[in-house]
Amino acid sequence: MRLMPFAAILTIAFAAGCAAPEQAKDTVAADASATPASDPGPAGRPMGKIGADQVGKVSPVPAFKGFGEHWGIEIQATGEMSHKVELTWGSGSEKASGTVDYKGQPADAPGSLIVLSGELATKQGAKPMVVEISRKDCTDDGDGAHQHSVQVTVDGLPQMRGCGDLAMY
């Protein structure tokens, strides 16, 4: 007879022990949400925040490689609309990295044009940068066929035009 109350106490203690971690999870989630979302990110923008016009949008550029005479560019998506850029020019003697964002289709642009804009960190400091990718057949100097043409404009550098390809996933 004495085992019955002991079994009931043991069952209640076990049930209470199982519920404690769930309560701890709620406490951790509440503590994590106490961190302000307005802490500035690397670009001075609040981390994790996007404009209302960007909700549910994804950049059409997951990855891109382009090149022209004496220059090359590699673009890699780092988030929904942000990208890391590596630009090489001067026959490979100059290299710089930067970030560009896809801000949607320009109102007056053809549907085949993708525009990314941001900054390139050069030896002379940060320079405004615009990358325009057009979906049209392009043939490089070696007669290689590519699906896109690319134009890169960096403040203070000659405009770069060439061919490239989007990554296909």
Protein backbone atom coordinates (compact mmCIF):
# COMPACT_ATOMS: atom_id res chain seq x y z
CA MET A 1 0.00 0.00 0.00
CA ARG A 2 2.81 2.40 0.75
CA LEU A 3 4.17 2.05 -2.79
CA MET A 4 1.13 3.70 -4.35
CA PRO A 5 1.75 7.22 -2.89
CA PHE A 6 5.45 6.88 -3.69
CA ALA A 7 4.66 5.99 -7.33
CA ALA A 8 2.28 8.96 -7.56
CA ILE A 9 4.94 11.35 -6.20
CA LEU A 10 7.54 9.92 -8.55
CA THR A 11 5.19 10.34 -11.53
CA ILE A 12 4.43 13.97 -10.61
CA ALA A 13 8.13 14.73 -10.13
CA PHE A 14 8.95 13.15 -13.50
CA ALA A 15 6.20 15.11 -15.25
CA ALA A 16 7.36 18.35 -13.62
CA GLY A 17 10.96 17.60 -14.66
CA CYS A 18 9.93 17.07 -18.27
CA ALA A 19 8.06 20.38 -18.33
CA ALA A 20 10.98 22.41 -16.94
CA PRO A 21 13.12 22.41 -20.13
CA GLU A 22 10.16 23.68 -22.17
CA GLN A 23 9.78 26.55 -19.74
CA ALA A 24 13.53 27.24 -20.03
CA LYS A 25 13.22 27.40 -23.82
CA ASP A 26 10.55 30.07 -23.47
CA THR A 27 12.81 32.02 -21.11
CA VAL A 28 15.75 31.81 -23.53
CA ALA A 29 13.53 32.94 -26.42
CA ALA A 30 12.33 35.88 -24.36
CA ASP A 31 15.93 36.79 -23.47
CA ALA A 32 16.99 36.57 -27.13
CA SER A 33 14.13 38.81 -28.19
CA ALA A 34 15.28 41.38 -25.65
CA THR A 35 18.29 42.12 -27.90
CA PRO A 36 17.32 45.18 -29.92
CA ALA A 37 16.87 44.48 -33.63
CA SER A 38 18.01 48.00 -34.36
CA ASP A 39 21.71 47.25 -33.73
CA PRO A 40 23.45 48.46 -36.85
CA GLY A 41 24.82 45.82 -39.18
CA PRO A 42 27.97 45.99 -41.28
CA ALA A 43 26.53 48.50 -43.75
CA GLY A 44 25.13 50.75 -41.02
CA ARG A 45 21.64 49.37 -41.61
CA PRO A 46 19.72 47.59 -38.87
CA MET A 47 20.45 43.88 -39.07
CA GLY A 48 17.61 41.69 -40.26
CA LYS A 49 15.49 44.57 -41.51
CA ILE A 50 14.42 45.10 -45.09
CA GLY A 51 12.13 47.62 -46.68
CA ALA A 52 8.43 46.88 -47.10
CA ASP A 53 8.93 46.74 -50.87
CA GLN A 54 11.48 43.91 -50.45
CA VAL A 55 9.34 41.50 -48.41
CA GLY A 56 9.22 38.09 -50.06
CA LYS A 57 11.65 39.07 -52.81
CA VAL A 58 14.83 37.25 -53.68
CA SER A 59 17.62 38.54 -55.87
CA PRO A 60 17.70 36.99 -59.34
CA VAL A 61 21.50 36.66 -58.96
CA PRO A 62 22.50 33.71 -56.75
CA ALA A 63 26.00 33.79 -58.28
CA PHE A 64 27.56 35.32 -61.39
CA LYS A 65 30.94 35.23 -63.13
CA GLY A 66 31.74 37.78 -65.79
CA PHE A 67 34.81 39.02 -67.60
CA GLY A 68 36.04 41.22 -70.37
CA GLU A 69 39.35 42.39 -71.76
CA HIS A 70 41.77 42.56 -68.79
CA TRP A 71 39.10 42.34 -66.05
CA GLY A 72 36.82 39.88 -64.26
CA ILE A 73 34.04 39.93 -61.68
CA GLU A 74 32.56 37.33 -59.34
CA ILE A 75 29.30 37.93 -57.50
CA GLN A 76 27.90 35.71 -54.75
CA ALA A 77 24.58 36.22 -52.95
CA THR A 78 24.96 36.61 -49.18
CA GLY A 79 21.31 37.18 -48.31
CA GLU A 80 17.97 37.77 -49.96
CA MET A 81 19.07 40.95 -51.75
CA SER A 82 22.76 41.39 -50.81
CA HIS A 83 25.85 40.16 -52.64
CA LYS A 84 29.60 39.95 -52.15
CA VAL A 85 31.66 41.19 -55.14
CA GLU A 86 35.25 40.46 -56.15
CA LEU A 87 36.54 42.62 -59.02
CA THR A 88 39.90 42.16 -60.74
CA TRP A 89 41.16 44.59 -63.40
CA GLY A 90 44.39 45.82 -64.96
CA SER A 91 45.17 42.33 -66.29
CA GLY A 92 44.96 41.03 -62.71
CA SER A 93 47.21 43.63 -61.10
CA GLU A 94 44.34 45.35 -59.24
CA LYS A 95 41.79 43.59 -56.99
CA ALA A 96 39.04 44.88 -54.75
CA SER A 97 36.05 43.53 -52.85
CA GLY A 98 32.73 45.09 -52.10
CA THR A 99 29.02 44.62 -51.64
CA VAL A 100 26.10 45.28 -53.95
CA ASP A 101 22.35 44.99 -53.45
CA TYR A 102 19.52 44.11 -55.79
CA LYS A 103 16.88 46.79 -55.29
CA GLY A 104 14.30 45.49 -57.71
CA GLN A 105 13.66 46.06 -61.37
CA PRO A 106 14.10 49.72 -62.41
CA ALA A 107 10.78 51.10 -63.67
CA ASP A 108 12.13 52.25 -67.02
CA ALA A 109 14.43 49.24 -67.69
CA PRO A 110 13.75 46.26 -69.95
CA GLY A 111 12.72 43.07 -68.16
CA SER A 112 15.97 41.34 -69.11
CA LEU A 113 18.12 43.86 -67.16
CA ILE A 114 19.35 43.14 -63.62
CA VAL A 115 20.91 46.07 -61.76
CA LEU A 116 23.02 45.68 -58.62
CA SER A 117 24.42 48.73 -56.85
CA GLY A 118 26.69 49.29 -53.88
CA GLU A 119 30.31 50.02 -53.02
CA LEU A 120 33.72 48.66 -53.95
CA ALA A 121 36.51 48.97 -51.35
CA THR A 122 39.50 50.10 -53.43
CA LYS A 123 42.97 51.23 -52.32
CA GLN A 124 41.70 54.80 -52.72
CA GLY A 125 38.69 54.12 -50.48
CA ALA A 126 35.07 53.10 -51.04
CA LYS A 127 33.79 53.82 -54.54
CA PRO A 128 30.18 53.67 -55.78
CA MET A 129 29.62 50.66 -58.03
CA VAL A 130 26.86 49.59 -60.42
CA VAL A 131 26.70 46.18 -62.11
CA GLU A 132 24.24 45.75 -65.00
CA ILE A 133 23.58 42.21 -66.20
CA SER A 134 21.52 41.77 -69.38
CA ARG A 135 20.08 38.49 -70.54
CA LYS A 136 21.29 38.47 -74.12
CA ASP A 137 23.70 36.24 -75.97
CA CYS A 138 27.29 37.41 -75.73
CA THR A 139 30.42 36.08 -77.42
CA ASP A 140 33.78 36.61 -75.73
CA ASP A 141 37.12 37.23 -77.46
CA GLY A 142 37.80 33.49 -77.58
CA ASP A 143 34.47 32.86 -79.40
CA GLY A 144 32.96 31.38 -76.24
CA ALA A 145 29.18 31.72 -76.00
CA HIS A 146 27.60 33.17 -72.86
CA GLN A 147 23.97 33.87 -71.92
CA HIS A 148 24.56 37.32 -70.41
CA SER A 149 26.35 40.56 -71.11
CA VAL A 150 27.66 42.58 -68.17
CA GLN A 151 28.63 46.19 -67.65
CA VAL A 152 30.51 47.30 -64.52
CA THR A 153 30.75 50.96 -63.58
CA VAL A 154 32.97 52.02 -60.67
CA ASP A 155 33.54 55.67 -59.88
CA GLY A 156 37.04 56.65 -61.04
CA LEU A 157 37.63 53.54 -63.21
CA PRO A 158 37.02 53.02 -66.93
CA GLN A 159 33.68 51.33 -67.66
CA MET A 160 34.05 47.56 -68.09
CA ARG A 161 31.95 45.56 -70.57
CA GLY A 162 32.00 41.86 -71.20
CA CYS A 163 30.20 38.53 -71.00
CA GLY A 164 29.20 36.24 -68.16
CA ASP A 165 26.93 33.56 -66.83
CA LEU A 166 24.55 33.26 -63.89
CA ALA A 167 24.92 30.18 -61.73
CA MET A 168 22.30 27.56 -62.51
CA TYR A 169 20.94 25.68 -59.50
